[in-house]
N, C-alpha and C. Protein backbone atom coordinates (compact mmCIF):
# COMPACT_ATOMS: atom_id res chain seq x y z
N MET A 1 0.83 -1.20 0.00
CA MET A 1 0.00 0.00 0.00
C MET A 1 0.87 1.26 0.00
N LYS A 2 1.92 1.25 0.80
CA LYS A 2 2.79 2.42 0.90
C LYS A 2 3.51 2.69 -0.42
N LYS A 3 3.89 1.62 -1.13
CA LYS A 3 4.62 1.79 -2.39
C LYS A 3 3.73 2.43 -3.46
N SER A 4 2.47 2.01 -3.56
CA SER A 4 1.58 2.62 -4.54
C SER A 4 1.27 4.07 -4.17
N ASN A 5 1.22 4.36 -2.86
CA ASN A 5 1.01 5.72 -2.40
C ASN A 5 2.18 6.61 -2.83
N ALA A 6 3.39 6.08 -2.71
CA ALA A 6 4.59 6.83 -3.10
C ALA A 6 4.61 7.06 -4.62
N LYS A 7 4.19 6.05 -5.39
CA LYS A 7 4.14 6.21 -6.85
C LYS A 7 3.15 7.30 -7.24
N THR A 8 1.98 7.30 -6.61
CA THR A 8 0.97 8.31 -6.89
C THR A 8 1.48 9.69 -6.51
N TYR A 9 2.16 9.76 -5.37
CA TYR A 9 2.73 11.02 -4.89
C TYR A 9 3.70 11.59 -5.92
N TRP A 10 4.64 10.77 -6.38
CA TRP A 10 5.64 11.26 -7.32
C TRP A 10 5.05 11.57 -8.69
N LYS A 11 4.02 10.81 -9.08
CA LYS A 11 3.36 11.09 -10.35
C LYS A 11 2.71 12.48 -10.31
N GLU A 12 2.03 12.80 -9.21
CA GLU A 12 1.42 14.12 -9.07
C GLU A 12 2.49 15.21 -8.97
N ASN A 13 3.57 14.92 -8.25
CA ASN A 13 4.66 15.88 -8.11
C ASN A 13 5.25 16.24 -9.47
N ILE A 14 5.53 15.24 -10.28
CA ILE A 14 6.10 15.48 -11.61
C ILE A 14 5.11 16.25 -12.48
N ARG A 15 3.82 15.94 -12.36
CA ARG A 15 2.80 16.68 -13.12
C ARG A 15 2.82 18.16 -12.74
N TYR A 16 2.93 18.46 -11.43
CA TYR A 16 3.01 19.85 -10.98
C TYR A 16 4.25 20.54 -11.54
N VAL A 17 5.37 19.86 -11.47
CA VAL A 17 6.63 20.45 -11.95
C VAL A 17 6.54 20.75 -13.45
N LEU A 18 6.04 19.81 -14.22
CA LEU A 18 5.93 20.02 -15.66
C LEU A 18 4.96 21.16 -16.00
N LEU A 19 3.85 21.23 -15.28
CA LEU A 19 2.89 22.31 -15.51
C LEU A 19 3.51 23.67 -15.19
N LEU A 20 4.19 23.78 -14.05
CA LEU A 20 4.79 25.06 -13.66
C LEU A 20 5.93 25.45 -14.59
N LEU A 21 6.71 24.46 -15.04
CA LEU A 21 7.78 24.76 -16.00
C LEU A 21 7.21 25.20 -17.34
N ALA A 22 6.09 24.61 -17.74
CA ALA A 22 5.44 25.03 -18.99
C ALA A 22 4.96 26.47 -18.89
N ILE A 23 4.39 26.83 -17.75
CA ILE A 23 3.95 28.21 -17.54
C ILE A 23 5.14 29.15 -17.61
N TRP A 24 6.23 28.79 -16.94
CA TRP A 24 7.41 29.64 -16.95
C TRP A 24 7.99 29.76 -18.36
N PHE A 25 7.98 28.66 -19.11
CA PHE A 25 8.47 28.69 -20.48
C PHE A 25 7.63 29.64 -21.34
N LEU A 26 6.31 29.54 -21.20
CA LEU A 26 5.43 30.41 -21.97
C LEU A 26 5.66 31.88 -21.64
N VAL A 27 5.88 32.16 -20.37
CA VAL A 27 6.10 33.54 -19.96
C VAL A 27 7.47 34.03 -20.41
N SER A 28 8.51 33.24 -20.16
CA SER A 28 9.86 33.71 -20.48
C SER A 28 10.15 33.68 -21.97
N PHE A 29 9.91 32.55 -22.61
CA PHE A 29 10.20 32.43 -24.04
C PHE A 29 9.10 33.04 -24.89
N GLY A 30 7.85 32.73 -24.53
CA GLY A 30 6.71 33.22 -25.31
C GLY A 30 6.58 34.72 -25.25
N ALA A 31 6.44 35.25 -24.03
CA ALA A 31 6.23 36.69 -23.89
C ALA A 31 7.49 37.48 -24.20
N GLY A 32 8.65 36.94 -23.87
CA GLY A 32 9.88 37.68 -24.07
C GLY A 32 10.43 37.61 -25.48
N ILE A 33 10.07 36.55 -26.24
CA ILE A 33 10.66 36.38 -27.56
C ILE A 33 9.58 36.23 -28.65
N LEU A 34 8.72 35.23 -28.51
CA LEU A 34 7.76 34.93 -29.57
C LEU A 34 6.70 36.02 -29.76
N PHE A 35 6.15 36.50 -28.66
CA PHE A 35 5.05 37.46 -28.73
C PHE A 35 5.48 38.88 -28.41
N LYS A 36 6.79 39.14 -28.44
CA LYS A 36 7.27 40.46 -28.01
C LYS A 36 6.78 41.58 -28.91
N ASP A 37 6.69 41.34 -30.20
CA ASP A 37 6.23 42.40 -31.11
C ASP A 37 4.80 42.82 -30.80
N THR A 38 3.95 41.86 -30.50
CA THR A 38 2.56 42.18 -30.14
C THR A 38 2.51 42.86 -28.78
N LEU A 39 3.28 42.33 -27.82
CA LEU A 39 3.29 42.90 -26.47
C LEU A 39 3.91 44.29 -26.43
N ASN A 40 4.79 44.59 -27.37
CA ASN A 40 5.45 45.90 -27.38
C ASN A 40 4.49 47.04 -27.71
N ASN A 41 3.27 46.72 -28.11
CA ASN A 41 2.26 47.76 -28.32
C ASN A 41 1.78 48.34 -27.00
N PHE A 42 2.06 47.67 -25.90
CA PHE A 42 1.66 48.12 -24.57
C PHE A 42 2.90 48.49 -23.79
N LYS A 43 2.73 49.38 -22.82
CA LYS A 43 3.86 49.81 -21.99
C LYS A 43 3.56 49.58 -20.52
N ILE A 44 4.62 49.28 -19.76
CA ILE A 44 4.53 49.14 -18.31
C ILE A 44 5.74 49.85 -17.72
N GLY A 45 5.50 50.80 -16.87
CA GLY A 45 6.60 51.56 -16.27
C GLY A 45 7.44 52.31 -17.29
N GLY A 46 6.86 52.68 -18.42
CA GLY A 46 7.59 53.41 -19.45
C GLY A 46 8.35 52.53 -20.42
N PHE A 47 8.31 51.21 -20.21
CA PHE A 47 9.02 50.28 -21.09
C PHE A 47 8.02 49.46 -21.88
N LYS A 48 8.41 49.04 -23.06
CA LYS A 48 7.55 48.17 -23.86
C LYS A 48 7.36 46.85 -23.12
N LEU A 49 6.15 46.32 -23.17
CA LEU A 49 5.80 45.13 -22.39
C LEU A 49 6.62 43.91 -22.78
N GLY A 50 6.90 43.72 -24.06
CA GLY A 50 7.74 42.59 -24.49
C GLY A 50 9.13 42.67 -23.90
N PHE A 51 9.71 43.87 -23.91
CA PHE A 51 11.02 44.08 -23.30
C PHE A 51 10.97 43.82 -21.80
N TRP A 52 9.90 44.32 -21.16
CA TRP A 52 9.76 44.15 -19.72
C TRP A 52 9.70 42.67 -19.35
N PHE A 53 8.92 41.87 -20.08
CA PHE A 53 8.84 40.44 -19.79
C PHE A 53 10.19 39.77 -20.00
N ALA A 54 10.91 40.16 -21.03
CA ALA A 54 12.21 39.55 -21.29
C ALA A 54 13.21 39.89 -20.19
N GLN A 55 13.13 41.11 -19.64
CA GLN A 55 14.11 41.54 -18.65
C GLN A 55 13.69 41.30 -17.21
N GLN A 56 12.42 41.50 -16.88
CA GLN A 56 11.97 41.44 -15.50
C GLN A 56 10.85 40.43 -15.26
N GLY A 57 9.88 40.44 -16.14
CA GLY A 57 8.65 39.69 -15.92
C GLY A 57 8.85 38.21 -15.71
N SER A 58 9.73 37.59 -16.48
CA SER A 58 9.93 36.15 -16.33
C SER A 58 10.55 35.81 -14.97
N MET A 59 11.37 36.70 -14.44
CA MET A 59 11.93 36.46 -13.10
C MET A 59 10.86 36.56 -12.03
N TYR A 60 9.98 37.56 -12.14
CA TYR A 60 8.89 37.71 -11.18
C TYR A 60 7.96 36.50 -11.23
N VAL A 61 7.64 36.07 -12.43
CA VAL A 61 6.76 34.90 -12.57
C VAL A 61 7.44 33.67 -11.98
N PHE A 62 8.74 33.51 -12.18
CA PHE A 62 9.46 32.37 -11.62
C PHE A 62 9.38 32.37 -10.10
N VAL A 63 9.56 33.51 -9.47
CA VAL A 63 9.48 33.59 -8.01
C VAL A 63 8.06 33.25 -7.53
N VAL A 64 7.05 33.75 -8.23
CA VAL A 64 5.66 33.43 -7.86
C VAL A 64 5.42 31.93 -8.02
N LEU A 65 5.96 31.34 -9.09
CA LEU A 65 5.79 29.91 -9.30
C LEU A 65 6.46 29.08 -8.21
N ILE A 66 7.53 29.57 -7.64
CA ILE A 66 8.16 28.87 -6.51
C ILE A 66 7.19 28.81 -5.34
N PHE A 67 6.54 29.93 -5.03
CA PHE A 67 5.57 29.93 -3.93
C PHE A 67 4.36 29.05 -4.23
N VAL A 68 3.92 29.05 -5.49
CA VAL A 68 2.82 28.18 -5.89
C VAL A 68 3.22 26.72 -5.71
N TYR A 69 4.45 26.38 -6.11
CA TYR A 69 4.94 25.01 -5.96
C TYR A 69 4.98 24.59 -4.50
N VAL A 70 5.45 25.46 -3.64
CA VAL A 70 5.50 25.16 -2.21
C VAL A 70 4.10 24.88 -1.68
N ARG A 71 3.16 25.70 -2.06
CA ARG A 71 1.78 25.49 -1.60
C ARG A 71 1.20 24.18 -2.13
N LEU A 72 1.42 23.91 -3.42
CA LEU A 72 0.94 22.66 -4.00
C LEU A 72 1.57 21.45 -3.31
N MET A 73 2.86 21.54 -3.03
CA MET A 73 3.55 20.41 -2.40
C MET A 73 3.09 20.21 -0.95
N ASN A 74 2.82 21.29 -0.25
CA ASN A 74 2.30 21.15 1.10
C ASN A 74 0.95 20.43 1.09
N LYS A 75 0.09 20.79 0.15
CA LYS A 75 -1.20 20.11 0.02
C LYS A 75 -1.00 18.65 -0.36
N LEU A 76 -0.08 18.39 -1.28
CA LEU A 76 0.18 17.02 -1.71
C LEU A 76 0.75 16.18 -0.57
N ASP A 77 1.64 16.77 0.22
CA ASP A 77 2.19 16.07 1.38
C ASP A 77 1.09 15.67 2.35
N LYS A 78 0.18 16.58 2.64
CA LYS A 78 -0.92 16.27 3.53
C LYS A 78 -1.83 15.19 2.95
N LYS A 79 -2.11 15.30 1.67
CA LYS A 79 -2.99 14.35 1.01
C LYS A 79 -2.45 12.92 1.11
N HIS A 80 -1.15 12.76 1.00
CA HIS A 80 -0.54 11.43 1.00
C HIS A 80 0.08 11.05 2.34
N GLY A 81 -0.08 11.89 3.34
CA GLY A 81 0.39 11.55 4.68
C GLY A 81 1.88 11.72 4.89
N TYR A 82 2.52 12.56 4.11
CA TYR A 82 3.96 12.80 4.25
C TYR A 82 4.27 14.09 5.00
N ASP A 83 3.25 14.77 5.48
CA ASP A 83 3.50 16.02 6.21
C ASP A 83 4.01 15.70 7.61
N VAL A 84 4.84 16.59 8.11
CA VAL A 84 5.45 16.36 9.45
C VAL A 84 4.94 17.41 10.40
């Protein structure tokens, strides 16, 4: 029983990691490179939005994703009985 619980735990963990990395990829590569021309039509803090995402936005999103991951993992730990 414990082994199948651990497999389920790691399967969900990997799913969370892949989802969060996909979000970060879309923000950093997508907004900073692929969609920069469209985003540059808007400004934030006096800078074009595409430039802002390439220079600052992807870092901010990464930090937020770290906190989201911590929260998700805390819930997952409780769900599977690994919380201390």
